[in-house]
Amino acid sequence: QVQVVESGGGLVQPGGSLRLSCASSWNSFIFKSTTMGWYRQAPGKQRELVARITGRDNTNYVDSVKGRFTISRDNAKKTVYLQMDSLKPEDTAVYYCNNFPVTGNYWGQGTQVTVST
């Protein structure tokens, strides 16, 4: 089964930055043509798509993170990144990566991001 491993989360003060990584076990040929997304789930809320990137590096962001977050990918490493700048307390959540749209029920363990003083 294809797996992903998210990392890079942590505790950061408002205005700070974090870079998340998502390493996948996808077949390289399939990975480079797969649209990948970063999702997040805050306590008591539904999981939401934050950003996505196509195999051709076209990107799309939810309005709340536009201008602050940047999604990128390294197909040779089968890894997707999320650079998060100017973090706000409302960005606090568990962040996950997956394909877009999500197929199946698999999710990785996620990585916790906490923005707080």
Protein backbone atom coordinates (compact mmCIF):
# COMPACT_ATOMS: atom_id res chain seq x y z
CA GLN A 1 0.00 0.00 0.00
CA VAL A 2 1.23 3.48 -0.86
CA GLN A 3 2.30 5.39 2.23
CA VAL A 4 3.22 8.95 3.08
CA VAL A 5 5.25 10.27 6.01
CA GLU A 6 4.70 13.87 7.06
CA SER A 7 7.28 15.74 9.13
CA GLY A 8 8.44 19.21 10.08
CA GLY A 9 5.70 20.34 12.42
CA GLY A 10 6.25 21.92 15.81
CA LEU A 11 5.50 24.81 18.11
CA VAL A 12 6.09 28.26 16.69
CA GLN A 13 5.18 31.79 17.72
CA PRO A 14 2.76 33.89 15.66
CA GLY A 15 4.59 35.36 12.69
CA GLY A 16 7.04 32.47 12.57
CA SER A 17 7.74 29.92 9.85
CA LEU A 18 7.81 26.16 9.40
CA ARG A 19 8.56 23.89 6.46
CA LEU A 20 6.63 20.65 6.24
CA SER A 21 7.77 17.65 4.22
CA CYS A 22 5.84 14.69 2.89
CA ALA A 23 7.79 11.69 1.65
CA SER A 24 5.81 9.17 -0.36
CA SER A 25 6.30 5.60 -1.43
CA TRP A 26 4.55 6.16 -4.75
CA ASN A 27 6.08 4.71 -7.85
CA SER A 28 8.16 7.55 -9.31
CA PHE A 29 6.37 7.51 -12.65
CA ILE A 30 2.99 7.71 -10.97
CA PHE A 31 4.08 10.30 -8.39
CA LYS A 32 5.31 12.85 -10.89
CA SER A 33 1.94 12.88 -12.63
CA THR A 34 -0.16 12.89 -9.45
CA THR A 35 -1.67 16.05 -8.03
CA MET A 36 -0.68 16.23 -4.37
CA GLY A 37 -2.30 18.20 -1.61
CA TRP A 38 -1.65 19.39 1.91
CA TYR A 39 -4.64 19.15 4.20
CA ARG A 40 -5.18 20.16 7.81
CA GLN A 41 -7.57 19.33 10.59
CA ALA A 42 -8.02 21.57 13.59
CA PRO A 43 -9.65 20.31 16.80
CA GLY A 44 -13.39 20.02 16.39
CA LYS A 45 -13.27 20.86 12.69
CA GLN A 46 -13.38 18.91 9.47
CA ARG A 47 -10.24 18.25 7.50
CA GLU A 48 -9.72 20.84 4.77
CA LEU A 49 -7.53 21.15 1.72
CA VAL A 50 -4.94 23.87 2.22
CA ALA A 51 -2.93 23.71 -0.99
CA ARG A 52 -2.42 21.47 -3.97
CA ILE A 53 0.14 21.10 -6.74
CA THR A 54 -0.20 19.32 -10.05
CA GLY A 55 2.43 17.27 -11.81
CA ARG A 56 3.15 20.39 -13.89
CA ASP A 57 3.65 22.52 -10.75
CA ASN A 58 0.39 24.41 -11.05
CA THR A 59 -0.64 25.42 -7.55
CA ASN A 60 -3.83 26.37 -5.78
CA TYR A 61 -4.41 27.62 -2.22
CA VAL A 62 -7.31 28.13 0.12
CA ASP A 63 -7.93 31.85 0.60
CA SER A 64 -6.88 31.85 4.25
CA VAL A 65 -3.27 30.91 3.40
CA LYS A 66 -2.72 32.72 0.09
CA GLY A 67 0.43 34.79 0.18
CA ARG A 68 1.71 33.01 3.30
CA PHE A 69 2.05 29.33 2.30
CA THR A 70 3.95 27.87 -0.64
CA ILE A 71 3.58 24.30 -1.86
CA SER A 72 6.32 22.68 -3.92
CA ARG A 73 7.47 19.23 -4.95
CA ASP A 74 10.65 17.33 -5.76
CA ASN A 75 9.69 14.46 -8.05
CA ALA A 76 13.13 12.86 -7.86
CA LYS A 77 12.69 12.55 -4.09
CA LYS A 78 8.96 11.81 -4.31
CA THR A 79 8.46 14.55 -1.73
CA VAL A 80 6.04 17.42 -1.36
CA TYR A 81 6.79 20.49 0.77
CA LEU A 82 4.73 23.19 2.41
CA GLN A 83 6.57 26.37 3.36
CA MET A 84 4.47 28.23 5.92
CA ASP A 85 5.33 31.85 6.73
CA SER A 86 3.60 34.50 8.82
CA LEU A 87 1.90 31.78 10.81
CA LYS A 88 -1.22 32.62 12.78
CA PRO A 89 -2.84 30.88 15.75
CA GLU A 90 -5.68 29.79 13.47
CA ASP A 91 -3.16 27.74 11.45
CA THR A 92 -2.88 25.38 14.43
CA ALA A 93 -3.86 21.91 13.23
CA VAL A 94 -2.58 18.48 12.28
CA TYR A 95 -1.28 18.69 8.71
CA TYR A 96 -1.54 15.77 6.30
CA CYS A 97 -0.55 15.18 2.73
CA ASN A 98 -2.33 13.00 0.24
CA ASN A 99 -3.20 12.89 -3.40
CA PHE A 100 -5.92 15.17 -4.77
CA PRO A 101 -8.63 14.24 -4.99
CA VAL A 102 -8.17 11.69 -2.24
CA THR A 103 -8.72 8.13 -3.38
CA GLY A 104 -9.39 5.50 -0.76
CA ASN A 105 -9.31 5.83 3.01
CA TYR A 106 -5.58 5.99 3.68
CA TRP A 107 -4.06 8.91 5.61
CA GLY A 108 -0.62 9.23 7.11
CA GLN A 109 -0.02 10.08 10.75
CA GLY A 110 0.17 13.80 10.04
CA THR A 111 2.38 16.37 11.70
CA GLN A 112 1.20 18.73 14.44
CA VAL A 113 1.60 22.47 13.91
CA THR A 114 0.91 24.69 16.92
CA VAL A 115 1.07 28.47 16.63
CA SER A 116 1.05 30.05 20.04
CA THR A 117 2.86 32.42 22.35
